[in-house]
Amino acid sequence: MDIRNTLALQAYAQSRLATPSTPQTESAGAAFATALNSFAQTLTEGEAQARTAMTTGADPHALVMALAQTELAVETAVTVRDRVVEAYQEILRMPV
């Protein structure tokens, strides 16, 4: 038996244990609901941070970070919406 094969097998086994395992038990509907709740929470936090910055003069760095996160969430939602619309249009173009 070649020692390189044994070493490679041991390295693979160690790296496999180091990677986190994610269970695939969550359905697509539950994953979508989780993403939607996360999106809504991000928007709410951004609005709250902006309100706090306008009324009390809070940390401007925190405001910029909250606005950047909100912008990223909105851009992601728009991208997902565009992909869904494209998929729907492609389905409509399919011959029956």
C-alpha atoms as a PDB file:
ATOM      1  CA  MET A   1       0.000   0.000   0.000  1.00  0.00           C
ATOM      2  CA  ASP A   2       1.296   3.417  -0.943  1.00  0.00           C
ATOM      3  CA  ILE A   3       1.839   5.797   1.995  1.00  0.00           C
ATOM      4  CA  ARG A   4       0.714   8.790  -0.109  1.00  0.00           C
ATOM      5  CA  ASN A   5      -2.744   7.285  -0.511  1.00  0.00           C
ATOM      6  CA  THR A   6      -3.038   6.793   3.228  1.00  0.00           C
ATOM      7  CA  LEU A   7      -1.917  10.342   3.943  1.00  0.00           C
ATOM      8  CA  ALA A   8      -4.329  11.727   1.369  1.00  0.00           C
ATOM      9  CA  LEU A   9      -7.168   9.708   2.869  1.00  0.00           C
ATOM     10  CA  GLN A  10      -6.342  10.959   6.362  1.00  0.00           C
ATOM     11  CA  ALA A  11      -6.150  14.582   5.179  1.00  0.00           C
ATOM     12  CA  TYR A  12      -9.499  14.210   3.435  1.00  0.00           C
ATOM     13  CA  ALA A  13     -11.107  12.729   6.535  1.00  0.00           C
ATOM     14  CA  GLN A  14      -9.796  15.564   8.708  1.00  0.00           C
ATOM     15  CA  SER A  15     -10.941  18.265   6.306  1.00  0.00           C
ATOM     16  CA  ARG A  16     -14.349  16.634   5.981  1.00  0.00           C
ATOM     17  CA  LEU A  17     -14.803  16.811   9.749  1.00  0.00           C
ATOM     18  CA  ALA A  18     -13.797  20.481   9.749  1.00  0.00           C
ATOM     19  CA  THR A  19     -16.482  21.548   7.281  1.00  0.00           C
ATOM     20  CA  PRO A  20     -19.840  22.406   8.795  1.00  0.00           C
ATOM     21  CA  SER A  21     -22.702  20.226   7.761  1.00  0.00           C
ATOM     22  CA  THR A  22     -25.989  21.835   6.860  1.00  0.00           C
ATOM     23  CA  PRO A  23     -29.071  19.698   7.067  1.00  0.00           C
ATOM     24  CA  GLN A  24     -31.236  19.845   3.963  1.00  0.00           C
ATOM     25  CA  THR A  25     -34.493  19.356   5.833  1.00  0.00           C
ATOM     26  CA  GLU A  26     -35.816  22.876   5.223  1.00  0.00           C
ATOM     27  CA  SER A  27     -38.369  23.068   2.424  1.00  0.00           C
ATOM     28  CA  ALA A  28     -38.258  25.687  -0.304  1.00  0.00           C
ATOM     29  CA  GLY A  29     -41.262  27.490   1.163  1.00  0.00           C
ATOM     30  CA  ALA A  30     -39.666  27.677   4.595  1.00  0.00           C
ATOM     31  CA  ALA A  31     -36.397  28.924   3.088  1.00  0.00           C
ATOM     32  CA  PHE A  32     -38.284  31.620   1.167  1.00  0.00           C
ATOM     33  CA  ALA A  33     -40.154  32.648   4.323  1.00  0.00           C
ATOM     34  CA  THR A  34     -36.877  32.883   6.242  1.00  0.00           C
ATOM     35  CA  ALA A  35     -35.327  35.024   3.504  1.00  0.00           C
ATOM     36  CA  LEU A  36     -38.395  37.262   3.399  1.00  0.00           C
ATOM     37  CA  ASN A  37     -38.351  37.729   7.179  1.00  0.00           C
ATOM     38  CA  SER A  38     -34.637  38.542   7.059  1.00  0.00           C
ATOM     39  CA  PHE A  39     -35.277  41.104   4.306  1.00  0.00           C
ATOM     40  CA  ALA A  40     -38.048  42.753   6.314  1.00  0.00           C
ATOM     41  CA  GLN A  41     -35.897  42.802   9.442  1.00  0.00           C
ATOM     42  CA  THR A  42     -33.018  44.447   7.549  1.00  0.00           C
ATOM     43  CA  LEU A  43     -35.344  47.169   6.243  1.00  0.00           C
ATOM     44  CA  THR A  44     -36.798  47.743   9.698  1.00  0.00           C
ATOM     45  CA  GLU A  45     -33.364  48.026  11.284  1.00  0.00           C
ATOM     46  CA  GLY A  46     -32.234  50.484   8.595  1.00  0.00           C
ATOM     47  CA  GLU A  47     -35.302  52.654   9.140  1.00  0.00           C
ATOM     48  CA  ALA A  48     -34.829  52.587  12.905  1.00  0.00           C
ATOM     49  CA  GLN A  49     -31.169  53.539  12.573  1.00  0.00           C
ATOM     50  CA  ALA A  50     -32.039  56.409  10.214  1.00  0.00           C
ATOM     51  CA  ARG A  51     -34.748  57.639  12.583  1.00  0.00           C
ATOM     52  CA  THR A  52     -32.319  57.526  15.513  1.00  0.00           C
ATOM     53  CA  ALA A  53     -29.654  59.380  13.547  1.00  0.00           C
ATOM     54  CA  MET A  54     -32.088  62.146  12.562  1.00  0.00           C
ATOM     55  CA  THR A  55     -33.586  62.661  16.000  1.00  0.00           C
ATOM     56  CA  THR A  56     -30.675  62.158  18.385  1.00  0.00           C
ATOM     57  CA  GLY A  57     -27.621  62.621  16.180  1.00  0.00           C
ATOM     58  CA  ALA A  58     -26.398  59.055  16.680  1.00  0.00           C
ATOM     59  CA  ASP A  59     -23.243  57.569  15.195  1.00  0.00           C
ATOM     60  CA  PRO A  60     -23.079  58.424  11.468  1.00  0.00           C
ATOM     61  CA  HIS A  61     -20.931  55.361  10.797  1.00  0.00           C
ATOM     62  CA  ALA A  62     -23.713  53.092  12.074  1.00  0.00           C
ATOM     63  CA  LEU A  63     -26.187  54.928   9.855  1.00  0.00           C
ATOM     64  CA  VAL A  64     -24.030  54.421   6.769  1.00  0.00           C
ATOM     65  CA  MET A  65     -23.608  50.721   7.586  1.00  0.00           C
ATOM     66  CA  ALA A  66     -27.362  50.272   8.063  1.00  0.00           C
ATOM     67  CA  LEU A  67     -28.112  52.067   4.801  1.00  0.00           C
ATOM     68  CA  ALA A  68     -25.537  49.949   2.951  1.00  0.00           C
ATOM     69  CA  GLN A  69     -27.105  46.754   4.307  1.00  0.00           C
ATOM     70  CA  THR A  70     -30.549  47.975   3.316  1.00  0.00           C
ATOM     71  CA  GLU A  71     -29.337  48.863  -0.182  1.00  0.00           C
ATOM     72  CA  LEU A  72     -27.779  45.425  -0.588  1.00  0.00           C
ATOM     73  CA  ALA A  73     -30.993  43.734   0.566  1.00  0.00           C
ATOM     74  CA  VAL A  74     -33.107  45.744  -1.877  1.00  0.00           C
ATOM     75  CA  GLU A  75     -30.721  45.042  -4.766  1.00  0.00           C
ATOM     76  CA  THR A  76     -30.826  41.333  -3.940  1.00  0.00           C
ATOM     77  CA  ALA A  77     -34.629  41.349  -3.835  1.00  0.00           C
ATOM     78  CA  VAL A  78     -34.799  43.136  -7.183  1.00  0.00           C
ATOM     79  CA  THR A  79     -32.382  40.635  -8.731  1.00  0.00           C
ATOM     80  CA  VAL A  80     -34.421  37.697  -7.444  1.00  0.00           C
ATOM     81  CA  ARG A  81     -37.626  39.313  -8.744  1.00  0.00           C
ATOM     82  CA  ASP A  82     -36.060  39.827 -12.171  1.00  0.00           C
ATOM     83  CA  ARG A  83     -34.948  36.195 -12.324  1.00  0.00           C
ATOM     84  CA  VAL A  84     -38.424  34.986 -11.368  1.00  0.00           C
ATOM     85  CA  VAL A  85     -40.003  37.172 -14.059  1.00  0.00           C
ATOM     86  CA  GLU A  86     -37.509  35.871 -16.635  1.00  0.00           C
ATOM     87  CA  ALA A  87     -38.292  32.277 -15.674  1.00  0.00           C
ATOM     88  CA  TYR A  88     -42.031  32.943 -15.905  1.00  0.00           C
ATOM     89  CA  GLN A  89     -41.654  34.516 -19.344  1.00  0.00           C
ATOM     90  CA  GLU A  90     -39.554  31.578 -20.495  1.00  0.00           C
ATOM     91  CA  ILE A  91     -42.268  29.178 -19.342  1.00  0.00           C
ATOM     92  CA  LEU A  92     -44.867  31.189 -21.261  1.00  0.00           C
ATOM     93  CA  ARG A  93     -42.759  30.902 -24.430  1.00  0.00           C
ATOM     94  CA  MET A  94     -42.655  27.095 -24.232  1.00  0.00           C
ATOM     95  CA  PRO A  95     -44.800  25.282 -26.770  1.00  0.00           C
ATOM     96  CA  VAL A  96     -47.595  23.200 -25.337  1.00  0.00           C
END
